């Protein structure tokens, strides 16, 4: 079913997710993947890329920046692109698959960034394997958090769209 909707519904859900990132939470359990997927699935391509990155940047102003930020932001550009692929395929199976794929993508890119820039690991294959191995608990947290927040934000979006006046699709 294709719903026409107002942009304010999606932006409100994204804002709610961005605020949730500022609340105390376990490591890597944040709504940013869900925000990027939701933005891609419901917003125009330009907004799908800029709104989630804007939410990430605004929350980072409060949380702080670090040396691996380019890897984090690049991973969420790609997650937003995955969300764009959901635009006409929004069902439970594709959203769950996109969410878990996004979690894995984030894990691979950001831990590559840690390996490259932190100085914690030798810059060879053994150091890279050590870095990914040490980060496995964070992958578990990310995947569980991403599944939770994706289910929550997509459910809120669907409920809000059913309750909101229909005007235009963005």
C-alpha atoms as a PDB file:
ATOM      1  CA  UNK A   1       0.000   0.000   0.000  1.00  0.00           C
ATOM      2  CA  UNK A   2       1.442   3.345  -1.055  1.00  0.00           C
ATOM      3  CA  UNK A   3       0.622   6.152   1.428  1.00  0.00           C
ATOM      4  CA  UNK A   4       0.909   9.827   0.672  1.00  0.00           C
ATOM      5  CA  UNK A   5       2.146  11.613   3.765  1.00  0.00           C
ATOM      6  CA  UNK A   6       3.569  14.804   5.098  1.00  0.00           C
ATOM      7  CA  UNK A   7       7.280  15.268   5.584  1.00  0.00           C
ATOM      8  CA  UNK A   8       6.671  16.351   9.156  1.00  0.00           C
ATOM      9  CA  UNK A   9       5.696  12.817  10.214  1.00  0.00           C
ATOM     10  CA  UNK A  10       9.011  11.303   9.124  1.00  0.00           C
ATOM     11  CA  UNK A  11      11.053  14.221  10.424  1.00  0.00           C
ATOM     12  CA  UNK A  12       9.287  13.986  13.795  1.00  0.00           C
ATOM     13  CA  UNK A  13      10.109  10.287  14.086  1.00  0.00           C
ATOM     14  CA  UNK A  14      13.732  10.993  13.090  1.00  0.00           C
ATOM     15  CA  UNK A  15      13.971  13.798  15.661  1.00  0.00           C
ATOM     16  CA  UNK A  16      12.637  11.460  18.335  1.00  0.00           C
ATOM     17  CA  UNK A  17      15.315   8.931  17.379  1.00  0.00           C
ATOM     18  CA  UNK A  18      18.056  11.569  17.462  1.00  0.00           C
ATOM     19  CA  UNK A  19      17.018  12.672  20.951  1.00  0.00           C
ATOM     20  CA  UNK A  20      17.088   9.028  22.076  1.00  0.00           C
ATOM     21  CA  UNK A  21      20.783   8.895  21.099  1.00  0.00           C
ATOM     22  CA  UNK A  22      21.502  11.455  23.808  1.00  0.00           C
ATOM     23  CA  UNK A  23      19.971   9.291  26.552  1.00  0.00           C
ATOM     24  CA  UNK A  24      22.162   6.858  28.510  1.00  0.00           C
ATOM     25  CA  UNK A  25      22.508   3.584  26.608  1.00  0.00           C
ATOM     26  CA  UNK A  26      24.741   0.516  26.309  1.00  0.00           C
ATOM     27  CA  UNK A  27      27.720   0.837  23.958  1.00  0.00           C
ATOM     28  CA  UNK A  28      26.678   0.930  20.271  1.00  0.00           C
ATOM     29  CA  UNK A  29      22.956   0.673  21.055  1.00  0.00           C
ATOM     30  CA  UNK A  30      21.719   3.790  19.276  1.00  0.00           C
ATOM     31  CA  UNK A  31      18.924   4.711  16.842  1.00  0.00           C
ATOM     32  CA  UNK A  32      21.162   6.157  14.092  1.00  0.00           C
ATOM     33  CA  UNK A  33      20.967   3.105  11.804  1.00  0.00           C
ATOM     34  CA  UNK A  34      17.195   3.106  12.180  1.00  0.00           C
ATOM     35  CA  UNK A  35      17.109   6.840  11.427  1.00  0.00           C
ATOM     36  CA  UNK A  36      19.189   6.375   8.261  1.00  0.00           C
ATOM     37  CA  UNK A  37      17.064   3.438   7.065  1.00  0.00           C
ATOM     38  CA  UNK A  38      13.815   5.261   7.837  1.00  0.00           C
ATOM     39  CA  UNK A  39      15.017   8.425   6.102  1.00  0.00           C
ATOM     40  CA  UNK A  40      15.976   6.443   3.024  1.00  0.00           C
ATOM     41  CA  UNK A  41      12.712   4.533   2.968  1.00  0.00           C
ATOM     42  CA  UNK A  42      10.412   7.545   3.358  1.00  0.00           C
ATOM     43  CA  UNK A  43      12.196  10.735   2.273  1.00  0.00           C
ATOM     44  CA  UNK A  44      13.438  12.060  -1.052  1.00  0.00           C
ATOM     45  CA  UNK A  45      17.016  11.021  -1.903  1.00  0.00           C
ATOM     46  CA  UNK A  46      18.427  14.433  -0.962  1.00  0.00           C
ATOM     47  CA  UNK A  47      16.651  14.484   2.399  1.00  0.00           C
ATOM     48  CA  UNK A  48      17.354  10.779   2.956  1.00  0.00           C
ATOM     49  CA  UNK A  49      21.070  11.568   2.985  1.00  0.00           C
ATOM     50  CA  UNK A  50      21.095  14.952   4.704  1.00  0.00           C
ATOM     51  CA  UNK A  51      18.523  14.497   7.486  1.00  0.00           C
ATOM     52  CA  UNK A  52      20.096  11.403   9.130  1.00  0.00           C
ATOM     53  CA  UNK A  53      23.583  12.913   8.804  1.00  0.00           C
ATOM     54  CA  UNK A  54      22.258  16.138  10.293  1.00  0.00           C
ATOM     55  CA  UNK A  55      20.748  14.218  13.219  1.00  0.00           C
ATOM     56  CA  UNK A  56      24.055  12.406  13.704  1.00  0.00           C
ATOM     57  CA  UNK A  57      26.023  15.654  13.569  1.00  0.00           C
ATOM     58  CA  UNK A  58      23.721  17.495  15.990  1.00  0.00           C
ATOM     59  CA  UNK A  59      23.894  14.691  18.522  1.00  0.00           C
ATOM     60  CA  UNK A  60      27.689  14.493  18.054  1.00  0.00           C
ATOM     61  CA  UNK A  61      27.895  18.163  19.048  1.00  0.00           C
ATOM     62  CA  UNK A  62      26.732  17.019  22.494  1.00  0.00           C
ATOM     63  CA  UNK A  63      28.501  13.655  22.580  1.00  0.00           C
ATOM     64  CA  UNK A  64      31.836  14.694  21.066  1.00  0.00           C
ATOM     65  CA  UNK A  65      33.911  13.864  18.019  1.00  0.00           C
ATOM     66  CA  UNK A  66      36.709  11.348  17.521  1.00  0.00           C
ATOM     67  CA  UNK A  67      39.281  10.333  14.929  1.00  0.00           C
ATOM     68  CA  UNK A  68      37.099   7.653  13.313  1.00  0.00           C
ATOM     69  CA  UNK A  69      34.228  10.052  12.557  1.00  0.00           C
ATOM     70  CA  UNK A  70      34.815   9.956   8.758  1.00  0.00           C
ATOM     71  CA  UNK A  71      34.260   6.185   8.840  1.00  0.00           C
ATOM     72  CA  UNK A  72      31.130   6.594  10.952  1.00  0.00           C
ATOM     73  CA  UNK A  73      29.634   9.241   8.665  1.00  0.00           C
ATOM     74  CA  UNK A  74      30.542   7.334   5.501  1.00  0.00           C
ATOM     75  CA  UNK A  75      28.912   4.198   6.886  1.00  0.00           C
ATOM     76  CA  UNK A  76      25.696   6.117   7.540  1.00  0.00           C
ATOM     77  CA  UNK A  77      25.723   7.567   4.026  1.00  0.00           C
ATOM     78  CA  UNK A  78      25.761   3.955   2.816  1.00  0.00           C
ATOM     79  CA  UNK A  79      23.050   2.950   5.318  1.00  0.00           C
ATOM     80  CA  UNK A  80      20.883   5.809   4.012  1.00  0.00           C
ATOM     81  CA  UNK A  81      21.460   4.471   0.489  1.00  0.00           C
ATOM     82  CA  UNK A  82      20.316   1.044   1.688  1.00  0.00           C
ATOM     83  CA  UNK A  83      17.227   2.780   3.071  1.00  0.00           C
ATOM     84  CA  UNK A  84      16.589   4.259  -0.379  1.00  0.00           C
ATOM     85  CA  UNK A  85      16.446   0.693  -1.702  1.00  0.00           C
ATOM     86  CA  UNK A  86      13.613   0.031   0.761  1.00  0.00           C
ATOM     87  CA  UNK A  87      11.445   2.815  -0.670  1.00  0.00           C
ATOM     88  CA  UNK A  88       9.170   0.463  -2.648  1.00  0.00           C
ATOM     89  CA  UNK A  89       9.987  -2.680  -0.664  1.00  0.00           C
ATOM     90  CA  UNK A  90       8.959  -1.808   2.887  1.00  0.00           C
ATOM     91  CA  UNK A  91       8.027  -5.096   4.467  1.00  0.00           C
ATOM     92  CA  UNK A  92       9.252  -6.865   7.575  1.00  0.00           C
ATOM     93  CA  UNK A  93      11.631  -9.199   5.745  1.00  0.00           C
ATOM     94  CA  UNK A  94      13.393  -6.518   3.685  1.00  0.00           C
ATOM     95  CA  UNK A  95      13.609  -4.067   6.577  1.00  0.00           C
ATOM     96  CA  UNK A  96      15.123  -6.706   8.895  1.00  0.00           C
ATOM     97  CA  UNK A  97      17.584  -7.781   6.188  1.00  0.00           C
ATOM     98  CA  UNK A  98      18.531  -4.130   5.509  1.00  0.00           C
ATOM     99  CA  UNK A  99      18.934  -3.500   9.235  1.00  0.00           C
ATOM    100  CA  UNK A 100      21.237  -6.468   9.833  1.00  0.00           C
ATOM    101  CA  UNK A 101      23.215  -5.704   6.671  1.00  0.00           C
ATOM    102  CA  UNK A 102      23.605  -2.129   7.860  1.00  0.00           C
ATOM    103  CA  UNK A 103      24.838  -3.309  11.261  1.00  0.00           C
ATOM    104  CA  UNK A 104      27.461  -5.459   9.565  1.00  0.00           C
ATOM    105  CA  UNK A 105      28.451  -2.650   7.199  1.00  0.00           C
ATOM    106  CA  UNK A 106      28.883  -0.242  10.120  1.00  0.00           C
ATOM    107  CA  UNK A 107      30.961  -2.842  11.995  1.00  0.00           C
ATOM    108  CA  UNK A 108      33.261  -3.469   9.032  1.00  0.00           C
ATOM    109  CA  UNK A 109      33.826   0.186   8.123  1.00  0.00           C
ATOM    110  CA  UNK A 110      34.164   1.695  11.573  1.00  0.00           C
ATOM    111  CA  UNK A 111      36.444  -1.004  12.930  1.00  0.00           C
ATOM    112  CA  UNK A 112      38.588  -0.679   9.826  1.00  0.00           C
ATOM    113  CA  UNK A 113      38.803   2.993  10.811  1.00  0.00           C
ATOM    114  CA  UNK A 114      39.795   2.061  14.358  1.00  0.00           C
ATOM    115  CA  UNK A 115      42.495  -0.243  12.997  1.00  0.00           C
ATOM    116  CA  UNK A 116      43.803   2.442  10.636  1.00  0.00           C
ATOM    117  CA  UNK A 117      43.769   5.446  12.943  1.00  0.00           C
ATOM    118  CA  UNK A 118      43.885   4.421  16.590  1.00  0.00           C
ATOM    119  CA  UNK A 119      47.389   3.020  16.902  1.00  0.00           C
ATOM    120  CA  UNK A 120      45.982   0.210  19.061  1.00  0.00           C
ATOM    121  CA  UNK A 121      46.708  -2.495  16.494  1.00  0.00           C
ATOM    122  CA  UNK A 122      49.614  -3.365  14.208  1.00  0.00           C
ATOM    123  CA  UNK A 123      49.019  -2.263  10.624  1.00  0.00           C
ATOM    124  CA  UNK A 124      49.073  -5.748   9.172  1.00  0.00           C
ATOM    125  CA  UNK A 125      46.574  -8.559   8.609  1.00  0.00           C
ATOM    126  CA  UNK A 126      47.064  -9.907  12.123  1.00  0.00           C
ATOM    127  CA  UNK A 127      46.338  -6.487  13.646  1.00  0.00           C
ATOM    128  CA  UNK A 128      43.211  -6.122  11.530  1.00  0.00           C
ATOM    129  CA  UNK A 129      41.940  -9.532  12.638  1.00  0.00           C
ATOM    130  CA  UNK A 130      42.671  -8.614  16.269  1.00  0.00           C
ATOM    131  CA  UNK A 131      40.741  -5.368  15.869  1.00  0.00           C
ATOM    132  CA  UNK A 132      37.672  -7.080  14.403  1.00  0.00           C
ATOM    133  CA  UNK A 133      37.826  -9.845  17.016  1.00  0.00           C
ATOM    134  CA  UNK A 134      37.995  -7.361  19.885  1.00  0.00           C
ATOM    135  CA  UNK A 135      34.988  -5.526  18.450  1.00  0.00           C
ATOM    136  CA  UNK A 136      32.663  -8.541  18.191  1.00  0.00           C
ATOM    137  CA  UNK A 137      30.763  -7.666  21.414  1.00  0.00           C
ATOM    138  CA  UNK A 138      30.021  -4.249  19.891  1.00  0.00           C
ATOM    139  CA  UNK A 139      28.631  -5.938  16.762  1.00  0.00           C
ATOM    140  CA  UNK A 140      26.216  -7.890  18.942  1.00  0.00           C
ATOM    141  CA  UNK A 141      25.131  -4.696  20.721  1.00  0.00           C
ATOM    142  CA  UNK A 142      24.801  -2.797  17.432  1.00  0.00           C
ATOM    143  CA  UNK A 143      22.737  -5.495  15.758  1.00  0.00           C
ATOM    144  CA  UNK A 144      20.382  -5.845  18.733  1.00  0.00           C
ATOM    145  CA  UNK A 145      20.045  -2.080  19.133  1.00  0.00           C
ATOM    146  CA  UNK A 146      19.573  -1.581  15.399  1.00  0.00           C
ATOM    147  CA  UNK A 147      16.834  -4.218  15.290  1.00  0.00           C
ATOM    148  CA  UNK A 148      15.084  -2.690  18.301  1.00  0.00           C
ATOM    149  CA  UNK A 149      15.222   0.916  17.072  1.00  0.00           C
ATOM    150  CA  UNK A 150      14.399  -0.005  13.468  1.00  0.00           C
ATOM    151  CA  UNK A 151      11.303  -1.892  14.626  1.00  0.00           C
ATOM    152  CA  UNK A 152      10.373   1.003  16.919  1.00  0.00           C
ATOM    153  CA  UNK A 153      10.890   3.845  14.425  1.00  0.00           C
ATOM    154  CA  UNK A 154       9.268   2.042  11.478  1.00  0.00           C
ATOM    155  CA  UNK A 155       6.322   1.120  13.721  1.00  0.00           C
ATOM    156  CA  UNK A 156       5.992   4.724  14.932  1.00  0.00           C
ATOM    157  CA  UNK A 157       6.193   5.933  11.331  1.00  0.00           C
ATOM    158  CA  UNK A 158       3.461   3.540  10.207  1.00  0.00           C
ATOM    159  CA  UNK A 159       1.220   4.421  13.154  1.00  0.00           C
ATOM    160  CA  UNK A 160       1.757   8.152  12.663  1.00  0.00           C
ATOM    161  CA  UNK A 161       1.014   7.896   8.945  1.00  0.00           C
ATOM    162  CA  UNK A 162      -2.261   6.123   9.672  1.00  0.00           C
ATOM    163  CA  UNK A 163      -3.238   8.854  12.131  1.00  0.00           C
ATOM    164  CA  UNK A 164      -1.992  11.901  10.197  1.00  0.00           C
ATOM    165  CA  UNK A 165      -3.774  13.818   7.475  1.00  0.00           C
ATOM    166  CA  UNK A 166      -2.649  12.797   4.005  1.00  0.00           C
ATOM    167  CA  UNK A 167      -1.279  15.627   1.899  1.00  0.00           C
ATOM    168  CA  UNK A 168       1.833  14.904  -0.158  1.00  0.00           C
ATOM    169  CA  UNK A 169       4.636  12.402  -0.622  1.00  0.00           C
ATOM    170  CA  UNK A 170       8.251  13.608  -0.318  1.00  0.00           C
END
